């Protein structure tokens, strides 16, 4: 109920899948959407669905809620939508412009590689946690 009716759009909801199915599912679509209500629970959620879509090089449209506001640079590596009109505008932009879909998808992929890759996360964990543990052990 968060995404307005868009006649002519092929919207597919995949409710049941296994983790190993995710890359193929993401590869099969053109635009990833992450609608969320703006509640306390949603504000505390991470942006994992958006990160999965972005890692697959797909452009995303996300509700402007919680972590999505930090991950998505509106119009650069995805789109943020807070109203029905913003959803419609973003979906129309992406659905009618293959070059924009490709550019936004590529920027999203670069964001994931630069800020969320396994190596980046390990390095951050190592710096913030493991280095501290090593110092405590030495001291």
Foldseek 3Di string as FASTA:
>chain_A
DQADDDPPDDDDDDDDDDPVCLLVVLVPDAEAEAEDDADPVQQPDAPVSLLSNLLSLFAYEYECHHNCVVLDDDQQQHHYDPHNVSNVVRCVVRVVDVVSRNRNSPRSNVSCVVCPDPVNVVVVCCVPPVVVVVVVVVD
